[in-house]
Amino acid sequence: MSSFVDFLKGSYNEFRHKVEWPKWSDLQSSTIVVTVATVILALFTFGVDELFSKAISNIIGMLINVFN
């Protein structure tokens, strides 16, 4: 049991004194970059989805007209 307690103490010490946490300004700029990238990717995915949806609808419409 003492090895587990030693592990917890060592982990706490490492997190408190040895880890270099990011500054607030770094977190803000990273958040902005991730948000912008997410919006761009979402818009791209929406555009490709709409393009394929219209293309498949047109193909199905042409096939229906051919066989009628």
N, C-alpha and C. Protein backbone atom coordinates (compact mmCIF):
# COMPACT_ATOMS: atom_id res chain seq x y z
N MET A 1 0.82 -1.20 0.00
CA MET A 1 0.00 0.00 0.00
C MET A 1 0.86 1.25 0.00
N SER A 2 2.04 1.17 0.60
CA SER A 2 2.90 2.36 0.67
C SER A 2 3.42 2.73 -0.72
N SER A 3 3.57 1.73 -1.61
CA SER A 3 4.05 2.06 -2.95
C SER A 3 2.99 2.88 -3.71
N PHE A 4 1.72 2.59 -3.44
CA PHE A 4 0.65 3.36 -4.07
C PHE A 4 0.65 4.79 -3.55
N VAL A 5 0.84 4.94 -2.25
CA VAL A 5 0.90 6.28 -1.65
C VAL A 5 2.11 7.03 -2.19
N ASP A 6 3.25 6.34 -2.32
CA ASP A 6 4.43 6.97 -2.90
C ASP A 6 4.18 7.41 -4.35
N PHE A 7 3.46 6.56 -5.07
CA PHE A 7 3.11 6.92 -6.45
C PHE A 7 2.26 8.18 -6.48
N LEU A 8 1.25 8.26 -5.62
CA LEU A 8 0.40 9.45 -5.57
C LEU A 8 1.20 10.70 -5.18
N LYS A 9 2.08 10.56 -4.21
CA LYS A 9 2.91 11.70 -3.81
C LYS A 9 3.82 12.15 -4.95
N GLY A 10 4.42 11.18 -5.63
CA GLY A 10 5.30 11.50 -6.75
C GLY A 10 4.53 12.16 -7.90
N SER A 11 3.33 11.65 -8.17
CA SER A 11 2.51 12.24 -9.22
C SER A 11 2.13 13.67 -8.88
N TYR A 12 1.73 13.89 -7.65
CA TYR A 12 1.36 15.24 -7.21
C TYR A 12 2.56 16.18 -7.32
N ASN A 13 3.71 15.72 -6.86
CA ASN A 13 4.92 16.54 -6.93
C ASN A 13 5.27 16.89 -8.38
N GLU A 14 5.15 15.92 -9.26
CA GLU A 14 5.48 16.16 -10.67
C GLU A 14 4.51 17.16 -11.29
N PHE A 15 3.22 17.00 -11.02
CA PHE A 15 2.23 17.92 -11.57
C PHE A 15 2.40 19.33 -11.02
N ARG A 16 2.78 19.44 -9.76
CA ARG A 16 2.90 20.76 -9.13
C ARG A 16 4.18 21.48 -9.51
N HIS A 17 5.28 20.76 -9.62
CA HIS A 17 6.57 21.43 -9.71
C HIS A 17 7.33 21.19 -11.02
N LYS A 18 7.03 20.13 -11.75
CA LYS A 18 7.85 19.80 -12.92
C LYS A 18 7.13 20.02 -14.25
N VAL A 19 5.81 20.07 -14.23
CA VAL A 19 5.06 20.26 -15.46
C VAL A 19 4.99 21.76 -15.77
N GLU A 20 5.27 22.11 -17.02
CA GLU A 20 5.14 23.51 -17.43
C GLU A 20 3.78 23.68 -18.09
N TRP A 21 2.86 24.28 -17.36
CA TRP A 21 1.51 24.46 -17.84
C TRP A 21 1.47 25.63 -18.82
N PRO A 22 0.58 25.57 -19.83
CA PRO A 22 0.52 26.67 -20.80
C PRO A 22 -0.02 27.95 -20.17
N LYS A 23 0.42 29.06 -20.73
CA LYS A 23 -0.05 30.37 -20.26
C LYS A 23 -1.46 30.60 -20.79
N TRP A 24 -2.17 31.53 -20.14
CA TRP A 24 -3.55 31.82 -20.52
C TRP A 24 -3.63 32.30 -21.97
N SER A 25 -2.70 33.13 -22.40
CA SER A 25 -2.72 33.64 -23.78
C SER A 25 -2.49 32.51 -24.79
N ASP A 26 -1.65 31.54 -24.43
CA ASP A 26 -1.44 30.38 -25.31
C ASP A 26 -2.72 29.57 -25.45
N LEU A 27 -3.43 29.39 -24.34
CA LEU A 27 -4.69 28.64 -24.39
C LEU A 27 -5.72 29.36 -25.25
N GLN A 28 -5.79 30.68 -25.11
CA GLN A 28 -6.75 31.45 -25.91
C GLN A 28 -6.43 31.34 -27.39
N SER A 29 -5.18 31.49 -27.77
CA SER A 29 -4.84 31.42 -29.19
C SER A 29 -5.06 30.01 -29.74
N SER A 30 -4.77 29.00 -28.95
CA SER A 30 -5.02 27.62 -29.40
C SER A 30 -6.51 27.37 -29.57
N THR A 31 -7.31 27.91 -28.66
CA THR A 31 -8.76 27.74 -28.75
C THR A 31 -9.30 28.42 -30.01
N ILE A 32 -8.79 29.59 -30.33
CA ILE A 32 -9.23 30.29 -31.53
C ILE A 32 -8.86 29.50 -32.78
N VAL A 33 -7.65 28.98 -32.82
CA VAL A 33 -7.21 28.19 -33.98
C VAL A 33 -8.08 26.96 -34.15
N VAL A 34 -8.36 26.25 -33.07
CA VAL A 34 -9.19 25.04 -33.15
C VAL A 34 -10.61 25.39 -33.58
N THR A 35 -11.16 26.48 -33.06
CA THR A 35 -12.52 26.88 -33.42
C THR A 35 -12.61 27.25 -34.90
N VAL A 36 -11.66 28.02 -35.39
CA VAL A 36 -11.66 28.41 -36.81
C VAL A 36 -11.50 27.18 -37.70
N ALA A 37 -10.59 26.29 -37.35
CA ALA A 37 -10.38 25.08 -38.14
C ALA A 37 -11.63 24.20 -38.15
N THR A 38 -12.32 24.12 -37.02
CA THR A 38 -13.54 23.32 -36.93
C THR A 38 -14.64 23.90 -37.81
N VAL A 39 -14.80 25.22 -37.79
CA VAL A 39 -15.82 25.86 -38.62
C VAL A 39 -15.50 25.66 -40.10
N ILE A 40 -14.24 25.83 -40.48
CA ILE A 40 -13.85 25.64 -41.89
C ILE A 40 -14.11 24.20 -42.32
N LEU A 41 -13.73 23.24 -41.50
CA LEU A 41 -13.96 21.84 -41.83
C LEU A 41 -15.45 21.51 -41.91
N ALA A 42 -16.24 22.08 -41.01
CA ALA A 42 -17.69 21.85 -41.04
C ALA A 42 -18.30 22.41 -42.32
N LEU A 43 -17.89 23.61 -42.71
CA LEU A 43 -18.40 24.20 -43.95
C LEU A 43 -17.98 23.40 -45.18
N PHE A 44 -16.74 22.93 -45.19
CA PHE A 44 -16.27 22.09 -46.29
C PHE A 44 -17.07 20.80 -46.37
N THR A 45 -17.29 20.15 -45.23
CA THR A 45 -18.06 18.91 -45.19
C THR A 45 -19.49 19.15 -45.66
N PHE A 46 -20.09 20.26 -45.23
CA PHE A 46 -21.44 20.61 -45.67
C PHE A 46 -21.48 20.80 -47.18
N GLY A 47 -20.49 21.51 -47.73
CA GLY A 47 -20.45 21.74 -49.17
C GLY A 47 -20.32 20.46 -49.96
N VAL A 48 -19.43 19.59 -49.55
CA VAL A 48 -19.24 18.31 -50.25
C VAL A 48 -20.50 17.46 -50.13
N ASP A 49 -21.13 17.45 -48.98
CA ASP A 49 -22.37 16.69 -48.78
C ASP A 49 -23.47 17.20 -49.70
N GLU A 50 -23.62 18.52 -49.78
CA GLU A 50 -24.64 19.10 -50.67
C GLU A 50 -24.34 18.77 -52.13
N LEU A 51 -23.08 18.85 -52.52
CA LEU A 51 -22.68 18.55 -53.89
C LEU A 51 -23.02 17.10 -54.25
N PHE A 52 -22.64 16.16 -53.39
CA PHE A 52 -22.94 14.76 -53.66
C PHE A 52 -24.44 14.49 -53.63
N SER A 53 -25.15 15.15 -52.73
CA SER A 53 -26.60 14.96 -52.64
C SER A 53 -27.28 15.40 -53.94
N LYS A 54 -26.90 16.56 -54.45
CA LYS A 54 -27.49 17.05 -55.70
C LYS A 54 -27.07 16.17 -56.87
N ALA A 55 -25.83 15.72 -56.90
CA ALA A 55 -25.36 14.87 -58.00
C ALA A 55 -26.12 13.55 -58.02
N ILE A 56 -26.29 12.94 -56.87
CA ILE A 56 -27.00 11.66 -56.81
C ILE A 56 -28.47 11.85 -57.15
N SER A 57 -29.07 12.94 -56.69
CA SER A 57 -30.46 13.22 -57.05
C SER A 57 -30.61 13.38 -58.55
N ASN A 58 -29.68 14.08 -59.19
CA ASN A 58 -29.74 14.24 -60.65
C ASN A 58 -29.56 12.91 -61.37
N ILE A 59 -28.64 12.09 -60.90
CA ILE A 59 -28.41 10.78 -61.53
C ILE A 59 -29.65 9.91 -61.39
N ILE A 60 -30.25 9.88 -60.22
CA ILE A 60 -31.46 9.08 -60.01
C ILE A 60 -32.59 9.63 -60.86
N GLY A 61 -32.71 10.96 -60.94
CA GLY A 61 -33.74 11.56 -61.79
C GLY A 61 -33.57 11.18 -63.25
N MET A 62 -32.34 11.19 -63.75
CA MET A 62 -32.09 10.80 -65.14
C MET A 62 -32.42 9.33 -65.36
N LEU A 63 -32.08 8.47 -64.40
CA LEU A 63 -32.38 7.04 -64.54
C LEU A 63 -33.89 6.80 -64.54
N ILE A 64 -34.61 7.54 -63.72
CA ILE A 64 -36.07 7.39 -63.69
C ILE A 64 -36.66 7.82 -65.02
N ASN A 65 -36.15 8.93 -65.59
CA ASN A 65 -36.65 9.40 -66.88
C ASN A 65 -36.31 8.44 -68.01
N VAL A 66 -35.16 7.78 -67.94
CA VAL A 66 -34.76 6.85 -69.00
C VAL A 66 -35.68 5.63 -69.01
N PHE A 67 -36.06 5.14 -67.86
CA PHE A 67 -36.85 3.92 -67.79
C PHE A 67 -38.35 4.17 -67.79
N ASN A 68 -38.79 5.40 -67.93
CA ASN A 68 -40.24 5.68 -68.01
C ASN A 68 -40.65 5.92 -69.41
